[in-house]
C-alpha atoms as a PDB file:
ATOM      1  CA  UNK A   1     -22.735   0.981  -6.435  1.00  0.00           C
ATOM      2  CA  UNK A   2     -23.918   4.179  -4.802  1.00  0.00           C
ATOM      3  CA  UNK A   3     -24.734   3.906  -1.099  1.00  0.00           C
ATOM      4  CA  UNK A   4     -24.950   6.159   1.925  1.00  0.00           C
ATOM      5  CA  UNK A   5     -22.257   5.947   4.609  1.00  0.00           C
ATOM      6  CA  UNK A   6     -24.262   4.331   7.411  1.00  0.00           C
ATOM      7  CA  UNK A   7     -23.384   0.667   6.979  1.00  0.00           C
ATOM      8  CA  UNK A   8     -19.767   1.135   5.908  1.00  0.00           C
ATOM      9  CA  UNK A   9     -18.975   3.453   8.822  1.00  0.00           C
ATOM     10  CA  UNK A  10     -20.786   1.334  11.386  1.00  0.00           C
ATOM     11  CA  UNK A  11     -18.793  -1.714  10.283  1.00  0.00           C
ATOM     12  CA  UNK A  12     -15.580   0.319  10.552  1.00  0.00           C
ATOM     13  CA  UNK A  13     -16.519   1.436  14.078  1.00  0.00           C
ATOM     14  CA  UNK A  14     -17.352  -2.109  15.152  1.00  0.00           C
ATOM     15  CA  UNK A  15     -14.203  -3.632  13.660  1.00  0.00           C
ATOM     16  CA  UNK A  16     -11.619  -0.919  14.406  1.00  0.00           C
ATOM     17  CA  UNK A  17     -10.607   0.351  10.993  1.00  0.00           C
ATOM     18  CA  UNK A  18     -11.246   3.550   9.061  1.00  0.00           C
ATOM     19  CA  UNK A  19     -12.959   4.297   5.762  1.00  0.00           C
ATOM     20  CA  UNK A  20     -11.051   6.797   3.600  1.00  0.00           C
ATOM     21  CA  UNK A  21     -12.887   9.953   2.577  1.00  0.00           C
ATOM     22  CA  UNK A  22     -11.040  11.333  -0.458  1.00  0.00           C
ATOM     23  CA  UNK A  23     -12.009  14.772  -1.706  1.00  0.00           C
ATOM     24  CA  UNK A  24     -12.477  14.992  -5.458  1.00  0.00           C
ATOM     25  CA  UNK A  25     -11.552  18.067  -7.468  1.00  0.00           C
ATOM     26  CA  UNK A  26     -12.346  17.129 -11.066  1.00  0.00           C
ATOM     27  CA  UNK A  27     -13.237  14.218 -13.316  1.00  0.00           C
ATOM     28  CA  UNK A  28      -9.688  12.874 -13.392  1.00  0.00           C
ATOM     29  CA  UNK A  29      -9.341  12.713  -9.610  1.00  0.00           C
ATOM     30  CA  UNK A  30     -12.688  10.968  -9.340  1.00  0.00           C
ATOM     31  CA  UNK A  31     -11.575   8.423 -11.928  1.00  0.00           C
ATOM     32  CA  UNK A  32      -8.231   7.756 -10.223  1.00  0.00           C
ATOM     33  CA  UNK A  33      -9.821   7.312  -6.788  1.00  0.00           C
ATOM     34  CA  UNK A  34     -12.544   5.004  -8.089  1.00  0.00           C
ATOM     35  CA  UNK A  35     -10.101   2.897 -10.106  1.00  0.00           C
ATOM     36  CA  UNK A  36      -7.707   2.435  -7.211  1.00  0.00           C
ATOM     37  CA  UNK A  37     -10.463   1.757  -4.696  1.00  0.00           C
ATOM     38  CA  UNK A  38     -11.934  -0.861  -7.035  1.00  0.00           C
ATOM     39  CA  UNK A  39      -8.508  -2.447  -7.433  1.00  0.00           C
ATOM     40  CA  UNK A  40      -8.090  -2.589  -3.644  1.00  0.00           C
ATOM     41  CA  UNK A  41     -11.715  -3.689  -3.158  1.00  0.00           C
ATOM     42  CA  UNK A  42     -12.454  -1.128  -0.463  1.00  0.00           C
ATOM     43  CA  UNK A  43     -15.532   1.021   0.159  1.00  0.00           C
ATOM     44  CA  UNK A  44     -14.820   4.693  -0.500  1.00  0.00           C
ATOM     45  CA  UNK A  45     -16.364   8.056   0.264  1.00  0.00           C
ATOM     46  CA  UNK A  46     -15.983  10.723  -2.402  1.00  0.00           C
ATOM     47  CA  UNK A  47     -16.032  14.018  -0.545  1.00  0.00           C
ATOM     48  CA  UNK A  48     -17.021  17.153  -2.437  1.00  0.00           C
ATOM     49  CA  UNK A  49     -16.596  20.607  -0.934  1.00  0.00           C
ATOM     50  CA  UNK A  50     -18.848  23.486  -1.933  1.00  0.00           C
ATOM     51  CA  UNK A  51     -15.854  25.054  -3.674  1.00  0.00           C
ATOM     52  CA  UNK A  52     -15.230  21.899  -5.682  1.00  0.00           C
ATOM     53  CA  UNK A  53     -18.922  21.679  -6.591  1.00  0.00           C
ATOM     54  CA  UNK A  54     -18.784  25.207  -7.980  1.00  0.00           C
ATOM     55  CA  UNK A  55     -15.531  24.467  -9.828  1.00  0.00           C
ATOM     56  CA  UNK A  56     -16.820  21.225 -11.379  1.00  0.00           C
ATOM     57  CA  UNK A  57     -20.067  22.846 -12.502  1.00  0.00           C
ATOM     58  CA  UNK A  58     -22.738  22.127  -9.913  1.00  0.00           C
ATOM     59  CA  UNK A  59     -24.336  19.455  -7.753  1.00  0.00           C
ATOM     60  CA  UNK A  60     -25.955  17.597 -10.663  1.00  0.00           C
ATOM     61  CA  UNK A  61     -22.724  17.616 -12.651  1.00  0.00           C
ATOM     62  CA  UNK A  62     -20.840  16.016  -9.761  1.00  0.00           C
ATOM     63  CA  UNK A  63     -23.425  13.241  -9.462  1.00  0.00           C
ATOM     64  CA  UNK A  64     -23.475  12.678 -13.234  1.00  0.00           C
ATOM     65  CA  UNK A  65     -19.680  12.344 -13.334  1.00  0.00           C
ATOM     66  CA  UNK A  66     -19.616   9.840 -10.482  1.00  0.00           C
ATOM     67  CA  UNK A  67     -22.528   7.791 -11.833  1.00  0.00           C
ATOM     68  CA  UNK A  68     -21.050   7.763 -15.331  1.00  0.00           C
ATOM     69  CA  UNK A  69     -17.657   6.610 -14.110  1.00  0.00           C
ATOM     70  CA  UNK A  70     -19.188   3.914 -11.904  1.00  0.00           C
ATOM     71  CA  UNK A  71     -21.006   2.526 -14.930  1.00  0.00           C
ATOM     72  CA  UNK A  72     -18.237   2.897 -17.520  1.00  0.00           C
ATOM     73  CA  UNK A  73     -15.448   1.661 -15.230  1.00  0.00           C
ATOM     74  CA  UNK A  74     -17.666  -1.166 -13.946  1.00  0.00           C
ATOM     75  CA  UNK A  75     -17.139  -0.177 -10.325  1.00  0.00           C
ATOM     76  CA  UNK A  76     -18.560  -2.777  -7.925  1.00  0.00           C
ATOM     77  CA  UNK A  77     -17.414  -1.445  -4.540  1.00  0.00           C
ATOM     78  CA  UNK A  78     -19.680   0.658  -2.279  1.00  0.00           C
ATOM     79  CA  UNK A  79     -19.292   4.366  -3.157  1.00  0.00           C
ATOM     80  CA  UNK A  80     -20.779   7.322  -1.308  1.00  0.00           C
ATOM     81  CA  UNK A  81     -21.005  10.851  -2.724  1.00  0.00           C
ATOM     82  CA  UNK A  82     -20.648  13.083   0.308  1.00  0.00           C
ATOM     83  CA  UNK A  83     -21.111  16.833   0.670  1.00  0.00           C
ATOM     84  CA  UNK A  84     -18.112  17.963   2.725  1.00  0.00           C
ATOM     85  CA  UNK A  85     -18.696  20.870   5.115  1.00  0.00           C
ATOM     86  CA  UNK A  86     -22.105  21.910   3.859  1.00  0.00           C
ATOM     87  CA  UNK A  87     -22.432  25.456   5.117  1.00  0.00           C
ATOM     88  CA  UNK A  88     -26.219  25.738   5.080  1.00  0.00           C
ATOM     89  CA  UNK A  89     -29.469  23.824   5.068  1.00  0.00           C
ATOM     90  CA  UNK A  90     -30.028  24.836   1.443  1.00  0.00           C
ATOM     91  CA  UNK A  91     -26.632  23.501   0.386  1.00  0.00           C
ATOM     92  CA  UNK A  92     -27.436  20.132   1.957  1.00  0.00           C
ATOM     93  CA  UNK A  93     -30.882  20.078   0.356  1.00  0.00           C
ATOM     94  CA  UNK A  94     -29.391  20.896  -3.052  1.00  0.00           C
ATOM     95  CA  UNK A  95     -26.905  18.041  -2.694  1.00  0.00           C
ATOM     96  CA  UNK A  96     -29.583  15.584  -1.600  1.00  0.00           C
ATOM     97  CA  UNK A  97     -31.948  16.594  -4.403  1.00  0.00           C
ATOM     98  CA  UNK A  98     -29.153  16.201  -6.969  1.00  0.00           C
ATOM     99  CA  UNK A  99     -28.356  12.655  -5.879  1.00  0.00           C
ATOM    100  CA  UNK A 100     -25.656  12.892  -3.206  1.00  0.00           C
ATOM    101  CA  UNK A 101     -25.962   9.915  -0.877  1.00  0.00           C
ATOM    102  CA  UNK A 102     -24.511  11.595   2.192  1.00  0.00           C
ATOM    103  CA  UNK A 103     -24.137  15.144   3.505  1.00  0.00           C
ATOM    104  CA  UNK A 104     -22.241  16.927   6.221  1.00  0.00           C
ATOM    105  CA  UNK A 105     -23.917  19.945   7.737  1.00  0.00           C
ATOM    106  CA  UNK A 106     -21.254  22.066   9.412  1.00  0.00           C
ATOM    107  CA  UNK A 107     -22.991  24.442  11.796  1.00  0.00           C
ATOM    108  CA  UNK A 108     -20.147  24.254  14.295  1.00  0.00           C
ATOM    109  CA  UNK A 109     -19.453  27.998  14.097  1.00  0.00           C
ATOM    110  CA  UNK A 110     -22.785  28.599  15.809  1.00  0.00           C
ATOM    111  CA  UNK A 111     -23.636  28.114  19.501  1.00  0.00           C
ATOM    112  CA  UNK A 112     -24.650  24.542  20.281  1.00  0.00           C
ATOM    113  CA  UNK A 113     -28.399  25.281  20.394  1.00  0.00           C
ATOM    114  CA  UNK A 114     -28.304  26.798  16.916  1.00  0.00           C
ATOM    115  CA  UNK A 115     -26.036  24.011  15.655  1.00  0.00           C
ATOM    116  CA  UNK A 116     -28.649  21.529  16.859  1.00  0.00           C
ATOM    117  CA  UNK A 117     -31.505  23.458  15.259  1.00  0.00           C
ATOM    118  CA  UNK A 118     -29.797  23.632  11.855  1.00  0.00           C
ATOM    119  CA  UNK A 119     -28.563  20.044  11.967  1.00  0.00           C
ATOM    120  CA  UNK A 120     -31.983  18.699  12.947  1.00  0.00           C
ATOM    121  CA  UNK A 121     -33.581  20.343   9.920  1.00  0.00           C
ATOM    122  CA  UNK A 122     -31.054  18.640   7.628  1.00  0.00           C
ATOM    123  CA  UNK A 123     -31.613  15.268   9.311  1.00  0.00           C
ATOM    124  CA  UNK A 124     -35.384  15.620   8.975  1.00  0.00           C
ATOM    125  CA  UNK A 125     -35.023  16.380   5.257  1.00  0.00           C
ATOM    126  CA  UNK A 126     -32.573  13.506   4.677  1.00  0.00           C
ATOM    127  CA  UNK A 127     -34.239  10.798   6.748  1.00  0.00           C
ATOM    128  CA  UNK A 128     -37.013   9.761   4.349  1.00  0.00           C
ATOM    129  CA  UNK A 129     -34.586   9.838   1.419  1.00  0.00           C
ATOM    130  CA  UNK A 130     -32.158   7.363   3.015  1.00  0.00           C
ATOM    131  CA  UNK A 131     -29.342   9.934   3.061  1.00  0.00           C
ATOM    132  CA  UNK A 132     -26.752   9.811   5.837  1.00  0.00           C
ATOM    133  CA  UNK A 133     -25.916  12.970   7.770  1.00  0.00           C
ATOM    134  CA  UNK A 134     -22.655  13.949   9.452  1.00  0.00           C
ATOM    135  CA  UNK A 135     -22.355  16.933  11.796  1.00  0.00           C
ATOM    136  CA  UNK A 136     -19.528  18.745  13.551  1.00  0.00           C
ATOM    137  CA  UNK A 137     -19.168  19.983  17.100  1.00  0.00           C
ATOM    138  CA  UNK A 138     -16.333  22.152  18.376  1.00  0.00           C
ATOM    139  CA  UNK A 139     -14.208  23.831  15.723  1.00  0.00           C
ATOM    140  CA  UNK A 140     -11.915  22.127  13.206  1.00  0.00           C
ATOM    141  CA  UNK A 141     -10.081  25.115  11.797  1.00  0.00           C
ATOM    142  CA  UNK A 142      -7.395  25.773   9.239  1.00  0.00           C
ATOM    143  CA  UNK A 143      -3.672  25.407   9.801  1.00  0.00           C
ATOM    144  CA  UNK A 144      -3.530  28.967  11.130  1.00  0.00           C
ATOM    145  CA  UNK A 145      -5.362  27.757  14.245  1.00  0.00           C
ATOM    146  CA  UNK A 146      -2.530  25.335  14.887  1.00  0.00           C
ATOM    147  CA  UNK A 147      -0.040  28.212  14.856  1.00  0.00           C
ATOM    148  CA  UNK A 148      -1.892  30.169  17.529  1.00  0.00           C
ATOM    149  CA  UNK A 149      -2.719  27.103  19.566  1.00  0.00           C
ATOM    150  CA  UNK A 150      -6.395  28.091  19.666  1.00  0.00           C
ATOM    151  CA  UNK A 151      -8.375  25.274  21.267  1.00  0.00           C
ATOM    152  CA  UNK A 152     -12.043  24.847  20.475  1.00  0.00           C
ATOM    153  CA  UNK A 153     -12.273  21.158  21.171  1.00  0.00           C
ATOM    154  CA  UNK A 154     -15.522  19.273  21.496  1.00  0.00           C
ATOM    155  CA  UNK A 155     -16.703  17.957  24.841  1.00  0.00           C
ATOM    156  CA  UNK A 156     -18.381  14.646  25.568  1.00  0.00           C
ATOM    157  CA  UNK A 157     -21.460  16.457  26.840  1.00  0.00           C
ATOM    158  CA  UNK A 158     -21.849  18.514  23.641  1.00  0.00           C
ATOM    159  CA  UNK A 159     -21.405  15.430  21.449  1.00  0.00           C
ATOM    160  CA  UNK A 160     -24.060  13.516  23.389  1.00  0.00           C
ATOM    161  CA  UNK A 161     -26.445  16.482  23.276  1.00  0.00           C
ATOM    162  CA  UNK A 162     -25.964  16.974  19.532  1.00  0.00           C
ATOM    163  CA  UNK A 163     -26.569  13.293  18.826  1.00  0.00           C
ATOM    164  CA  UNK A 164     -29.586  12.916  21.109  1.00  0.00           C
ATOM    165  CA  UNK A 165     -31.171  16.094  19.768  1.00  0.00           C
ATOM    166  CA  UNK A 166     -30.733  15.403  16.060  1.00  0.00           C
ATOM    167  CA  UNK A 167     -30.313  11.698  15.261  1.00  0.00           C
ATOM    168  CA  UNK A 168     -27.223  12.230  13.099  1.00  0.00           C
ATOM    169  CA  UNK A 169     -25.469   9.194  11.608  1.00  0.00           C
ATOM    170  CA  UNK A 170     -21.867  10.253  12.301  1.00  0.00           C
ATOM    171  CA  UNK A 171     -20.107  13.017  14.175  1.00  0.00           C
ATOM    172  CA  UNK A 172     -16.886  14.963  13.659  1.00  0.00           C
ATOM    173  CA  UNK A 173     -15.770  16.179  17.080  1.00  0.00           C
ATOM    174  CA  UNK A 174     -13.014  18.796  17.017  1.00  0.00           C
ATOM    175  CA  UNK A 175     -10.227  17.197  19.023  1.00  0.00           C
ATOM    176  CA  UNK A 176      -7.058  18.936  17.912  1.00  0.00           C
ATOM    177  CA  UNK A 177      -6.866  18.315  14.157  1.00  0.00           C
ATOM    178  CA  UNK A 178      -6.757  21.102  11.552  1.00  0.00           C
ATOM    179  CA  UNK A 179      -7.386  21.369   7.832  1.00  0.00           C
ATOM    180  CA  UNK A 180      -4.421  21.692   5.496  1.00  0.00           C
ATOM    181  CA  UNK A 181      -0.766  21.440   6.461  1.00  0.00           C
ATOM    182  CA  UNK A 182       0.253  21.518  10.102  1.00  0.00           C
ATOM    183  CA  UNK A 183       2.615  24.198  11.405  1.00  0.00           C
ATOM    184  CA  UNK A 184       3.929  22.451  14.467  1.00  0.00           C
ATOM    185  CA  UNK A 185       2.983  19.139  16.015  1.00  0.00           C
ATOM    186  CA  UNK A 186      -0.605  17.851  15.911  1.00  0.00           C
ATOM    187  CA  UNK A 187      -2.043  17.479  19.390  1.00  0.00           C
ATOM    188  CA  UNK A 188      -5.020  15.135  19.295  1.00  0.00           C
ATOM    189  CA  UNK A 189      -7.117  14.599  22.415  1.00  0.00           C
ATOM    190  CA  UNK A 190      -7.193  10.808  22.396  1.00  0.00           C
ATOM    191  CA  UNK A 191      -8.696  10.475  25.875  1.00  0.00           C
ATOM    192  CA  UNK A 192     -11.805  12.459  24.932  1.00  0.00           C
ATOM    193  CA  UNK A 193     -11.938  10.719  21.548  1.00  0.00           C
ATOM    194  CA  UNK A 194     -12.003   7.319  23.228  1.00  0.00           C
ATOM    195  CA  UNK A 195     -14.730   8.167  25.712  1.00  0.00           C
ATOM    196  CA  UNK A 196     -16.919   9.821  23.055  1.00  0.00           C
ATOM    197  CA  UNK A 197     -16.640   6.650  20.993  1.00  0.00           C
ATOM    198  CA  UNK A 198     -17.607   4.533  23.997  1.00  0.00           C
ATOM    199  CA  UNK A 199     -20.600   6.693  24.915  1.00  0.00           C
ATOM    200  CA  UNK A 200     -22.040   7.251  21.428  1.00  0.00           C
ATOM    201  CA  UNK A 201     -23.394   4.496  19.149  1.00  0.00           C
ATOM    202  CA  UNK A 202     -22.500   6.390  15.957  1.00  0.00           C
ATOM    203  CA  UNK A 203     -19.101   6.489  14.192  1.00  0.00           C
ATOM    204  CA  UNK A 204     -16.564   9.257  14.767  1.00  0.00           C
ATOM    205  CA  UNK A 205     -14.969  11.243  11.931  1.00  0.00           C
ATOM    206  CA  UNK A 206     -11.498  12.789  11.869  1.00  0.00           C
ATOM    207  CA  UNK A 207     -11.075  15.859   9.667  1.00  0.00           C
ATOM    208  CA  UNK A 208      -7.656  17.194   8.748  1.00  0.00           C
ATOM    209  CA  UNK A 209      -5.894  13.855   8.306  1.00  0.00           C
ATOM    210  CA  UNK A 210      -3.021  15.311   6.270  1.00  0.00           C
ATOM    211  CA  UNK A 211       0.187  15.691   8.249  1.00  0.00           C
ATOM    212  CA  UNK A 212      -0.847  13.659  11.268  1.00  0.00           C
ATOM    213  CA  UNK A 213       1.927  11.124  12.036  1.00  0.00           C
ATOM    214  CA  UNK A 214       1.101   7.526  11.215  1.00  0.00           C
ATOM    215  CA  UNK A 215       1.277   6.443  14.853  1.00  0.00           C
ATOM    216  CA  UNK A 216      -1.311   9.085  15.776  1.00  0.00           C
ATOM    217  CA  UNK A 217      -3.579   7.940  12.938  1.00  0.00           C
ATOM    218  CA  UNK A 218      -3.304   4.377  14.210  1.00  0.00           C
ATOM    219  CA  UNK A 219      -4.057   5.506  17.763  1.00  0.00           C
ATOM    220  CA  UNK A 220      -7.046   7.561  16.573  1.00  0.00           C
ATOM    221  CA  UNK A 221      -8.485   4.470  14.869  1.00  0.00           C
ATOM    222  CA  UNK A 222      -7.937   2.492  18.078  1.00  0.00           C
ATOM    223  CA  UNK A 223      -9.854   5.228  19.914  1.00  0.00           C
ATOM    224  CA  UNK A 224     -12.832   4.903  17.597  1.00  0.00           C
ATOM    225  CA  UNK A 225     -12.262   7.009  14.489  1.00  0.00           C
ATOM    226  CA  UNK A 226     -14.120   5.285  11.629  1.00  0.00           C
ATOM    227  CA  UNK A 227     -13.752   7.864   8.830  1.00  0.00           C
ATOM    228  CA  UNK A 228     -10.743  10.024   8.012  1.00  0.00           C
ATOM    229  CA  UNK A 229     -10.913  12.911   5.541  1.00  0.00           C
ATOM    230  CA  UNK A 230      -8.023  13.292   3.101  1.00  0.00           C
ATOM    231  CA  UNK A 231      -7.638  16.170   0.649  1.00  0.00           C
ATOM    232  CA  UNK A 232      -4.412  18.163   0.985  1.00  0.00           C
ATOM    233  CA  UNK A 233      -2.360  14.962   1.093  1.00  0.00           C
ATOM    234  CA  UNK A 234      -3.424  13.924  -2.417  1.00  0.00           C
ATOM    235  CA  UNK A 235      -3.129  17.484  -3.708  1.00  0.00           C
ATOM    236  CA  UNK A 236       0.441  17.586  -2.422  1.00  0.00           C
ATOM    237  CA  UNK A 237       1.663  14.362  -4.040  1.00  0.00           C
ATOM    238  CA  UNK A 238      -0.166  15.159  -7.294  1.00  0.00           C
ATOM    239  CA  UNK A 239       1.280  18.669  -7.610  1.00  0.00           C
ATOM    240  CA  UNK A 240       4.821  17.463  -6.913  1.00  0.00           C
ATOM    241  CA  UNK A 241       4.533  14.807  -9.637  1.00  0.00           C
ATOM    242  CA  UNK A 242       3.119  17.322 -12.130  1.00  0.00           C
ATOM    243  CA  UNK A 243       5.860  19.869 -11.409  1.00  0.00           C
ATOM    244  CA  UNK A 244       8.504  17.220 -11.970  1.00  0.00           C
ATOM    245  CA  UNK A 245       6.851  16.171 -15.231  1.00  0.00           C
ATOM    246  CA  UNK A 246       6.689  19.759 -16.538  1.00  0.00           C
ATOM    247  CA  UNK A 247      10.317  20.413 -15.679  1.00  0.00           C
ATOM    248  CA  UNK A 248      11.366  17.356 -17.659  1.00  0.00           C
ATOM    249  CA  UNK A 249       9.261  18.289 -20.694  1.00  0.00           C
ATOM    250  CA  UNK A 250       8.806  22.026 -21.103  1.00  0.00           C
ATOM    251  CA  UNK A 251       7.159  21.614 -24.503  1.00  0.00           C
ATOM    252  CA  UNK A 252       4.215  19.498 -23.360  1.00  0.00           C
ATOM    253  CA  UNK A 253       0.876  21.261 -23.727  1.00  0.00           C
ATOM    254  CA  UNK A 254      -1.736  18.481 -23.787  1.00  0.00           C
ATOM    255  CA  UNK A 255      -3.791  18.964 -20.582  1.00  0.00           C
ATOM    256  CA  UNK A 256      -4.508  15.244 -20.457  1.00  0.00           C
ATOM    257  CA  UNK A 257      -0.801  14.527 -20.179  1.00  0.00           C
ATOM    258  CA  UNK A 258      -0.238  17.295 -17.649  1.00  0.00           C
ATOM    259  CA  UNK A 259      -3.079  16.256 -15.339  1.00  0.00           C
ATOM    260  CA  UNK A 260      -2.406  12.563 -15.927  1.00  0.00           C
ATOM    261  CA  UNK A 261       1.235  12.881 -14.920  1.00  0.00           C
ATOM    262  CA  UNK A 262       0.068  12.906 -11.309  1.00  0.00           C
ATOM    263  CA  UNK A 263      -2.127   9.810 -11.594  1.00  0.00           C
ATOM    264  CA  UNK A 264       0.348   7.264 -10.265  1.00  0.00           C
ATOM    265  CA  UNK A 265       1.344   9.525  -7.379  1.00  0.00           C
ATOM    266  CA  UNK A 266      -2.296   9.754  -6.286  1.00  0.00           C
ATOM    267  CA  UNK A 267      -2.892   6.026  -6.661  1.00  0.00           C
ATOM    268  CA  UNK A 268       0.289   5.087  -4.791  1.00  0.00           C
ATOM    269  CA  UNK A 269      -0.618   7.391  -1.931  1.00  0.00           C
ATOM    270  CA  UNK A 270      -4.153   5.970  -1.793  1.00  0.00           C
ATOM    271  CA  UNK A 271      -2.734   2.471  -1.322  1.00  0.00           C
ATOM    272  CA  UNK A 272      -0.457   3.678   1.498  1.00  0.00           C
ATOM    273  CA  UNK A 273      -3.422   5.340   3.197  1.00  0.00           C
ATOM    274  CA  UNK A 274      -5.619   2.247   2.890  1.00  0.00           C
ATOM    275  CA  UNK A 275      -2.897   0.129   4.497  1.00  0.00           C
ATOM    276  CA  UNK A 276      -2.476   2.685   7.301  1.00  0.00           C
ATOM    277  CA  UNK A 277      -6.240   2.857   7.909  1.00  0.00           C
ATOM    278  CA  UNK A 278      -6.463  -0.965   7.907  1.00  0.00           C
ATOM    279  CA  UNK A 279      -9.520  -0.578   5.722  1.00  0.00           C
ATOM    280  CA  UNK A 280     -11.365  -3.883   5.342  1.00  0.00           C
ATOM    281  CA  UNK A 281     -11.292  -5.183   1.791  1.00  0.00           C
ATOM    282  CA  UNK A 282     -14.189  -6.937   0.146  1.00  0.00           C
END
């Protein structure tokens, strides 16, 4: 069933586990993630970047694919369709109008006052439609930021101000994680993470979960992280499985077989992640 993220993330915050946010890239990935999540009986957030939306065909196409699979696969678990890193108010509105149940407005590149102004407009639009809103403060960059050691971490004061000024449902504070593969050792600010979680009533989100050691993931959950975004991790295991399959059979040309050769790798990794996150099963 389609839901927003409010209840699932609040339960995760209260009971010290994390909900997996898996980015989808096409119909097949959506199917694999839904099937495995249903098998494990866990709530799941299907994250969709603006790039993936464009690749798949558009906001309405994404929603139609997810709704169709939920019906045809007889999915009973809570499922949220979440706009990942919405870059503008219009992008969030388009997602909401198409049927997304949750959106992230990422105005973190702007000064805090402008971030608040943009985020508040998205919250106001989403509120009456029962859509959950996530926002970001600080800067969660790409792996290149990890090379240079650039630090644009969130502060407790900025997180409190953003929440009090907008009424967001969850917050992604930049605390040392990066998107993509890490070049070097991740350096998460657990002390700030813990105090933000204690001072704010809303759940915390960790972006850039790929490549963070398991013990740091476990510590992040202990410090209040309730949602962890995973994308590169699944892309990595899928692509390795597909490469191996193509090497073994150079004559294969059926795209269903090529794409499907990575199915078990994705599903196996999902189960490992769910165990690591200690996600509560229904």
